[in-house]
Amino acid sequence: MKIKAVGFDFDGTLIMSEELKALQFVRIFKERFNVEKGVLSCYKRISRKGINREEKIRLLFEHFLKRKPTSSELKELDDEFGRYYEQSLKTCPLFQCTNIIRDLKKQVDFLFLLSLENKREVERLVRHCGLSIYFDEILGGPTAKVDNLKYVLAKHHLKASEVLYIGDSTSDIIASRKVKVKVVLIQRKFSYHQLLETLETDFVFSSLCEVPTMIEKFERRR
């Protein structure tokens, strides 16, 4: 089946941001609530769930403060994290070999970017880093990845087998599997066969530089 659209995850796939995001949550909970121990590991654990920022804040509150955040606390922390997110990534710490974006765009009808972070923040960062010219659409939070993938299929009248999604986490695989699109996993520490078997990943590579730039390479599977 011909692939007509390719999507990229942003954080951790194209831009090095995951550790910075985790450290920011550690800082917030230490300064505001005098809680530091265990925040880093807890954040990393819940990040694998593929949930948006507000849900992460709620889970951290429930785990460490044993209560739900108020609506004002939720908005305040969301805004604070958003400001830091944009500020910390304005140096554009992109992974190498982002030329794959340019190369794949020439071969498909539609190229999209998908993030769990606030859509407006991601749009500003993508423009700042010079990547916006390549993407036909940028999708983000608070909408879930599964819902955004369903939106892409419906809006562009695409079959699931005509879409390829490239991400770096198990949540990317789970979201892709739920809508049955082909998925590429960028996993820098991985066991190839184990991941293929347990997560039903279509393709696994240890870096963005290893991902083939010819779309036909992905059309030979399934």
Protein backbone atom coordinates (compact mmCIF):
# COMPACT_ATOMS: atom_id res chain seq x y z
CA MET A 1 0.00 0.00 0.00
CA LYS A 2 1.37 3.42 -0.98
CA ILE A 3 2.19 5.71 1.94
CA LYS A 4 0.63 9.12 1.42
CA ALA A 5 1.29 10.81 4.76
CA VAL A 6 4.11 10.80 7.32
CA GLY A 7 3.90 12.11 10.85
CA PHE A 8 6.71 12.93 13.27
CA ASP A 9 6.63 13.05 17.04
CA PHE A 10 8.36 16.24 18.24
CA ASP A 11 9.74 15.82 21.77
CA GLY A 12 12.44 13.16 21.92
CA THR A 13 12.26 12.38 18.21
CA LEU A 14 13.23 15.64 16.50
CA ILE A 15 14.17 17.79 19.48
CA MET A 16 16.05 16.86 22.66
CA SER A 17 13.60 17.96 25.33
CA GLU A 18 12.49 15.07 27.53
CA GLU A 19 15.17 15.43 30.21
CA LEU A 20 14.67 19.21 30.31
CA LYS A 21 10.92 18.76 30.78
CA ALA A 22 11.45 16.27 33.60
CA LEU A 23 13.87 18.58 35.41
CA GLN A 24 11.42 21.45 35.14
CA PHE A 25 8.73 19.47 36.95
CA VAL A 26 11.29 18.62 39.65
CA ARG A 27 12.06 22.33 40.07
CA ILE A 28 8.39 23.33 40.25
CA PHE A 29 7.48 20.78 42.90
CA LYS A 30 10.57 21.58 44.97
CA GLU A 31 10.03 25.35 44.94
CA ARG A 32 6.27 25.35 45.36
CA PHE A 33 5.60 22.32 47.55
CA ASN A 34 9.00 21.41 49.04
CA VAL A 35 8.78 18.02 47.34
CA GLU A 36 11.81 16.74 45.43
CA LYS A 37 12.47 13.09 46.19
CA GLY A 38 11.00 10.77 43.61
CA VAL A 39 9.58 13.48 41.32
CA LEU A 40 12.03 12.80 38.50
CA SER A 41 11.41 9.05 38.39
CA CYS A 42 7.65 9.52 38.79
CA TYR A 43 7.51 12.02 35.93
CA LYS A 44 9.45 9.71 33.65
CA ARG A 45 7.14 6.83 34.53
CA ILE A 46 3.91 8.70 33.83
CA SER A 47 5.38 10.18 30.63
CA ARG A 48 5.28 6.70 29.14
CA LYS A 49 1.49 6.81 29.37
CA GLY A 50 1.26 9.26 26.49
CA ILE A 51 -0.83 11.78 28.46
CA ASN A 52 -0.88 15.54 28.10
CA ARG A 53 0.61 18.12 30.44
CA GLU A 54 -2.51 18.70 32.53
CA GLU A 55 -2.91 15.00 33.18
CA LYS A 56 0.73 14.76 34.24
CA ILE A 57 0.23 17.59 36.72
CA ARG A 58 -2.88 15.90 38.13
CA LEU A 59 -1.09 12.59 38.60
CA LEU A 60 1.91 14.25 40.27
CA PHE A 61 -0.42 16.10 42.65
CA GLU A 62 -2.27 12.93 43.57
CA HIS A 63 0.95 10.98 44.08
CA PHE A 64 2.94 13.51 46.10
CA LEU A 65 0.35 15.86 47.61
CA LYS A 66 -2.46 13.30 47.99
CA ARG A 67 -5.01 15.64 46.46
CA LYS A 68 -6.20 17.02 43.16
CA PRO A 69 -4.94 20.42 41.99
CA THR A 70 -7.39 23.30 42.03
CA SER A 71 -8.31 24.81 38.67
CA SER A 72 -6.16 27.87 39.45
CA GLU A 73 -3.17 25.70 40.45
CA LEU A 74 -3.55 23.64 37.30
CA LYS A 75 -3.61 26.71 35.07
CA GLU A 76 -0.74 28.40 36.92
CA LEU A 77 1.56 25.37 36.72
CA ASP A 78 0.56 24.70 33.13
CA ASP A 79 1.42 28.29 32.17
CA GLU A 80 4.68 28.24 34.11
CA PHE A 81 5.79 25.00 32.52
CA GLY A 82 4.80 26.31 29.09
CA ARG A 83 6.96 29.41 29.48
CA TYR A 84 9.94 27.30 30.52
CA TYR A 85 9.31 24.79 27.74
CA GLU A 86 9.54 27.47 25.06
CA GLN A 87 12.45 29.29 26.69
CA SER A 88 14.58 26.18 27.24
CA LEU A 89 14.16 24.94 23.67
CA LYS A 90 14.83 28.21 21.86
CA THR A 91 18.39 27.02 21.36
CA CYS A 92 16.80 24.40 19.07
CA PRO A 93 18.56 21.26 20.36
CA LEU A 94 17.57 19.24 17.28
CA PHE A 95 18.77 15.70 16.78
CA GLN A 96 21.08 15.13 13.82
CA CYS A 97 19.80 14.08 10.38
CA THR A 98 16.64 16.16 10.37
CA ASN A 99 17.15 16.26 6.59
CA ILE A 100 14.89 13.19 6.62
CA ILE A 101 11.96 15.62 7.01
CA ARG A 102 12.84 17.42 3.78
CA ASP A 103 13.47 14.19 1.91
CA LEU A 104 10.24 12.49 2.95
CA LYS A 105 8.13 15.58 2.27
CA LYS A 106 9.00 15.33 -1.42
CA GLN A 107 7.60 11.81 -1.58
CA VAL A 108 4.25 12.08 0.22
CA ASP A 109 1.10 14.18 -0.03
CA PHE A 110 1.01 15.30 3.58
CA LEU A 111 3.57 15.75 6.36
CA PHE A 112 2.46 16.44 9.91
CA LEU A 113 4.01 17.01 13.34
CA LEU A 114 2.41 15.64 16.48
CA SER A 115 3.17 16.57 20.09
CA LEU A 116 1.54 16.17 23.50
CA GLU A 117 2.64 19.68 24.47
CA ASN A 118 0.48 22.74 23.94
CA LYS A 119 -0.13 23.20 20.23
CA ARG A 120 0.55 26.96 20.22
CA GLU A 121 3.86 26.52 22.03
CA VAL A 122 4.96 23.80 19.63
CA GLU A 123 3.98 25.91 16.61
CA ARG A 124 6.13 28.79 17.88
CA LEU A 125 9.10 26.52 18.56
CA VAL A 126 8.85 24.81 15.18
CA ARG A 127 8.80 28.19 13.43
CA HIS A 128 11.72 29.41 15.53
CA CYS A 129 13.78 26.32 14.70
CA GLY A 130 13.11 26.67 10.96
CA LEU A 131 11.09 23.47 10.56
CA SER A 132 7.63 24.92 9.90
CA ILE A 133 8.21 25.11 6.13
CA TYR A 134 8.20 21.32 5.96
CA PHE A 135 5.00 20.51 7.85
CA ASP A 136 1.53 20.86 6.38
CA GLU A 137 -0.01 20.70 9.82
CA ILE A 138 1.14 20.83 13.44
CA LEU A 139 -1.00 19.05 16.02
CA GLY A 140 -0.63 19.10 19.79
CA GLY A 141 -2.15 19.14 23.23
CA PRO A 142 -4.40 19.11 25.03
CA THR A 143 -5.80 16.73 22.39
CA ALA A 144 -4.56 13.15 22.82
CA LYS A 145 -2.28 11.63 20.19
CA VAL A 146 -4.82 8.95 19.30
CA ASP A 147 -7.47 11.58 18.64
CA ASN A 148 -5.06 13.65 16.55
CA LEU A 149 -4.14 10.61 14.48
CA LYS A 150 -7.83 9.86 13.93
CA TYR A 151 -8.28 13.48 12.88
CA VAL A 152 -5.53 13.15 10.27
CA LEU A 153 -7.12 10.02 8.81
CA ALA A 154 -10.57 11.59 8.65
CA LYS A 155 -9.60 15.05 7.40
CA HIS A 156 -7.40 13.76 4.58
CA HIS A 157 -9.50 10.71 3.74
CA LEU A 158 -6.59 8.36 4.39
CA LYS A 159 -6.56 4.67 5.11
CA ALA A 160 -4.50 3.67 8.15
CA SER A 161 -2.10 1.71 5.93
CA GLU A 162 -1.34 4.92 4.01
CA VAL A 163 0.08 6.68 7.09
CA LEU A 164 3.52 6.27 8.70
CA TYR A 165 4.22 7.70 12.14
CA ILE A 166 7.74 8.16 13.55
CA GLY A 167 8.17 8.41 17.33
CA ASP A 168 10.50 7.56 20.20
CA SER A 169 8.32 6.15 22.97
CA THR A 170 6.07 3.25 23.77
CA SER A 171 3.15 5.69 23.93
CA ASP A 172 3.80 6.56 20.28
CA ILE A 173 3.57 2.87 19.40
CA ILE A 174 0.43 2.34 21.46
CA ALA A 175 -1.29 5.35 19.85
CA SER A 176 -0.30 4.15 16.37
CA ARG A 177 -1.50 0.63 17.04
CA LYS A 178 -4.89 1.89 18.22
CA VAL A 179 -5.53 3.50 14.85
CA LYS A 180 -3.56 0.83 12.93
CA VAL A 181 -1.07 3.17 11.19
CA LYS A 182 2.45 1.98 10.47
CA VAL A 183 4.91 3.01 13.14
CA VAL A 184 8.67 3.62 13.27
CA LEU A 185 10.31 3.62 16.70
CA ILE A 186 13.49 5.60 17.39
CA GLN A 187 14.90 3.83 20.42
CA ARG A 188 18.46 4.63 21.40
CA LYS A 189 18.62 1.78 23.92
CA PHE A 190 16.77 -1.12 22.45
CA SER A 191 16.48 -4.80 21.77
CA TYR A 192 15.22 -4.90 18.19
CA HIS A 193 13.51 -8.27 18.18
CA GLN A 194 12.03 -7.85 21.65
CA LEU A 195 10.44 -4.53 20.77
CA LEU A 196 9.08 -5.84 17.50
CA GLU A 197 7.52 -8.78 19.28
CA THR A 198 6.11 -7.16 22.41
CA LEU A 199 5.00 -3.82 20.97
CA GLU A 200 4.23 -4.90 17.41
CA THR A 201 6.47 -2.18 16.05
CA ASP A 202 6.82 -2.14 12.28
CA PHE A 203 10.34 -0.67 12.21
CA VAL A 204 12.95 0.08 14.90
CA PHE A 205 16.08 2.22 14.52
CA SER A 206 18.61 3.40 17.08
CA SER A 207 18.74 6.98 15.76
CA LEU A 208 17.03 9.33 13.35
CA CYS A 209 20.09 9.05 11.11
CA GLU A 210 19.36 5.37 10.50
CA VAL A 211 15.81 5.90 9.27
CA PRO A 212 15.63 5.37 5.48
CA THR A 213 14.86 8.49 3.48
CA MET A 214 13.14 6.54 0.70
CA ILE A 215 9.45 6.02 1.44
CA GLU A 216 9.34 2.81 -0.61
CA LYS A 217 11.39 1.13 2.11
CA PHE A 218 8.37 1.37 4.40
CA GLU A 219 5.84 0.29 1.81
CA ARG A 220 7.22 -3.22 1.60
CA ARG A 221 5.86 -4.19 5.01
CA ARG A 222 2.23 -5.12 5.64
